[in-house]
Amino acid sequence: MIKSYFSLEEFHCPCGYCNNSFFVISQTLLNRLNLVRDKLQEPIIISSGFRCAQHNEFVGGTSDSSHTKGLAADINIPDNAYRFKILPLLLDQFNRIGILKKGIHVDVETFKPSGRIWVK
C-alpha cells in the first residue's frame, strides 16, 4: 500500500471563482507523487494542482491544460540542489515533465504525446 503524503487541499484551485465545488484529482497522479515523495524523503510542495478554467486562463495555462482535468501538478522547486535530487525520481514515475523557472510540472495525461520534457 502506498503511503499518502498529501492532503487533497494541496490540490485545490486557489482562484476564489470556483470555490472548489467541482474538484477532481487523478488517483494515478497522487499515487505517483506519493512514490516520489517516499523515495525523496523530503517534503514536496504542490504550487498548482487542479485549476478551474477561469484560473487556468488567468495564470496563462493552455486551453487544454491537464490541470483543468485534475491530471497535473506543479511542484515548487526551492533551489537547484532540490531539482537535481527530485528530477530522476520524477523521470522514474512520469513521462510528461515540464521544467519551469521555479518548479516542475508533471502530468498523467494520456491523450497527449508521452516521453516529453519541455522548458517553459
Protein backbone atom coordinates (compact mmCIF):
# COMPACT_ATOMS: atom_id res chain seq x y z
CA MET A 1 0.00 0.00 0.00
CA ILE A 2 1.23 3.46 -0.91
CA LYS A 3 1.64 5.89 1.98
CA SER A 4 -0.23 9.16 1.45
CA TYR A 5 1.87 12.28 1.98
CA PHE A 6 -0.58 14.79 0.51
CA SER A 7 -3.93 16.22 1.51
CA LEU A 8 -6.49 16.98 -1.17
CA GLU A 9 -6.49 20.62 -0.06
CA GLU A 10 -2.97 20.95 -1.51
CA PHE A 11 -4.51 20.40 -4.96
CA HIS A 12 -7.46 22.81 -4.67
CA CYS A 13 -7.86 25.62 -7.16
CA PRO A 14 -6.77 28.83 -5.39
CA CYS A 15 -8.80 31.21 -7.55
CA GLY A 16 -11.79 32.21 -5.48
CA TYR A 17 -14.04 31.91 -8.56
CA CYS A 18 -14.96 28.26 -8.34
CA ASN A 19 -14.82 27.70 -4.54
CA ASN A 20 -13.75 24.13 -5.40
CA SER A 21 -17.34 22.90 -5.64
CA PHE A 22 -16.25 20.68 -8.53
CA PHE A 23 -12.82 19.31 -7.80
CA VAL A 24 -11.18 16.23 -9.31
CA ILE A 25 -7.64 14.95 -8.90
CA SER A 26 -6.30 11.80 -10.52
CA GLN A 27 -5.55 8.89 -8.20
CA THR A 28 -2.76 7.87 -10.58
CA LEU A 29 -1.19 11.33 -10.20
CA LEU A 30 -1.45 11.10 -6.41
CA ASN A 31 0.00 7.58 -6.32
CA ARG A 32 2.99 8.56 -8.42
CA LEU A 33 3.65 11.70 -6.39
CA ASN A 34 3.46 9.65 -3.19
CA LEU A 35 6.02 7.18 -4.58
CA VAL A 36 8.37 10.05 -5.45
CA ARG A 37 7.87 11.63 -2.02
CA ASP A 38 8.60 8.32 -0.30
CA LYS A 39 11.90 7.90 -2.15
CA LEU A 40 12.87 11.57 -1.82
CA GLN A 41 12.41 11.59 1.97
CA GLU A 42 11.81 15.35 1.82
CA PRO A 43 8.61 17.36 1.54
CA ILE A 44 7.11 18.08 -1.87
CA ILE A 45 5.21 21.36 -2.05
CA ILE A 46 2.44 21.50 -4.67
CA SER A 47 2.29 25.00 -6.11
CA SER A 48 -0.56 24.23 -8.52
CA GLY A 49 -2.89 21.26 -8.76
CA PHE A 50 -6.43 21.40 -10.08
CA ARG A 51 -7.39 24.66 -11.83
CA CYS A 52 -10.83 25.81 -12.89
CA ALA A 53 -11.00 27.21 -16.44
CA GLN A 54 -11.03 30.83 -15.22
CA HIS A 55 -7.95 30.43 -13.03
CA ASN A 56 -6.15 28.45 -15.72
CA GLU A 57 -6.71 31.32 -18.16
CA PHE A 58 -5.64 33.86 -15.51
CA VAL A 59 -2.28 32.11 -14.95
CA GLY A 60 -1.67 31.69 -18.68
CA GLY A 61 -2.35 27.96 -18.88
CA THR A 62 -3.10 26.35 -22.22
CA SER A 63 -6.73 25.83 -23.19
CA ASP A 64 -6.27 22.03 -23.00
CA SER A 65 -4.32 22.14 -19.71
CA SER A 66 -4.06 18.88 -17.80
CA HIS A 67 -4.57 20.94 -14.63
CA THR A 68 -8.22 21.57 -15.59
CA LYS A 69 -8.78 17.81 -15.70
CA GLY A 70 -7.06 17.07 -12.38
CA LEU A 71 -4.26 15.25 -14.19
CA ALA A 72 -1.35 17.59 -13.39
CA ALA A 73 0.61 19.17 -10.58
CA ASP A 74 3.32 21.78 -10.41
CA ILE A 75 5.93 21.17 -7.74
CA ASN A 76 7.70 24.06 -6.05
CA ILE A 77 11.48 23.82 -6.52
CA PRO A 78 13.32 25.93 -3.91
CA ASP A 79 16.82 25.51 -5.37
CA ASN A 80 18.89 23.63 -7.94
CA ALA A 81 20.10 21.03 -5.41
CA TYR A 82 16.48 20.01 -4.77
CA ARG A 83 15.78 19.99 -8.52
CA PHE A 84 18.79 17.69 -9.01
CA LYS A 85 17.51 15.27 -6.34
CA ILE A 86 13.87 15.14 -7.40
CA LEU A 87 14.22 15.07 -11.19
CA PRO A 88 15.48 11.46 -11.51
CA LEU A 89 12.67 10.29 -9.21
CA LEU A 90 10.08 12.14 -11.29
CA LEU A 91 11.53 10.66 -14.50
CA ASP A 92 11.02 7.22 -12.98
CA GLN A 93 7.28 7.88 -12.47
CA PHE A 94 6.21 10.39 -15.13
CA ASN A 95 6.66 10.56 -18.90
CA ARG A 96 5.43 14.16 -19.26
CA ILE A 97 7.53 16.72 -17.39
CA GLY A 98 7.81 20.48 -17.78
CA ILE A 99 10.74 22.40 -16.36
CA LEU A 100 9.56 25.75 -15.02
CA LYS A 101 11.60 28.63 -13.65
CA LYS A 102 10.68 27.84 -10.04
CA GLY A 103 9.03 24.48 -10.41
CA ILE A 104 8.48 21.24 -12.25
CA HIS A 105 5.21 20.29 -13.94
CA VAL A 106 4.20 16.62 -14.02
CA ASP A 107 1.07 15.11 -15.50
CA VAL A 108 -0.53 11.79 -16.28
CA GLU A 109 -2.39 12.95 -19.38
CA THR A 110 -2.91 10.02 -21.76
CA PHE A 111 -4.27 11.95 -24.75
CA LYS A 112 -1.09 13.98 -25.24
CA PRO A 113 2.30 12.79 -26.50
CA SER A 114 4.30 10.88 -23.92
CA GLY A 115 8.03 10.72 -23.41
CA ARG A 116 8.27 14.53 -23.29
CA ILE A 117 10.27 17.06 -21.29
CA TRP A 118 9.82 20.74 -22.08
CA VAL A 119 11.08 24.04 -20.71
CA LYS A 120 8.74 26.94 -20.10
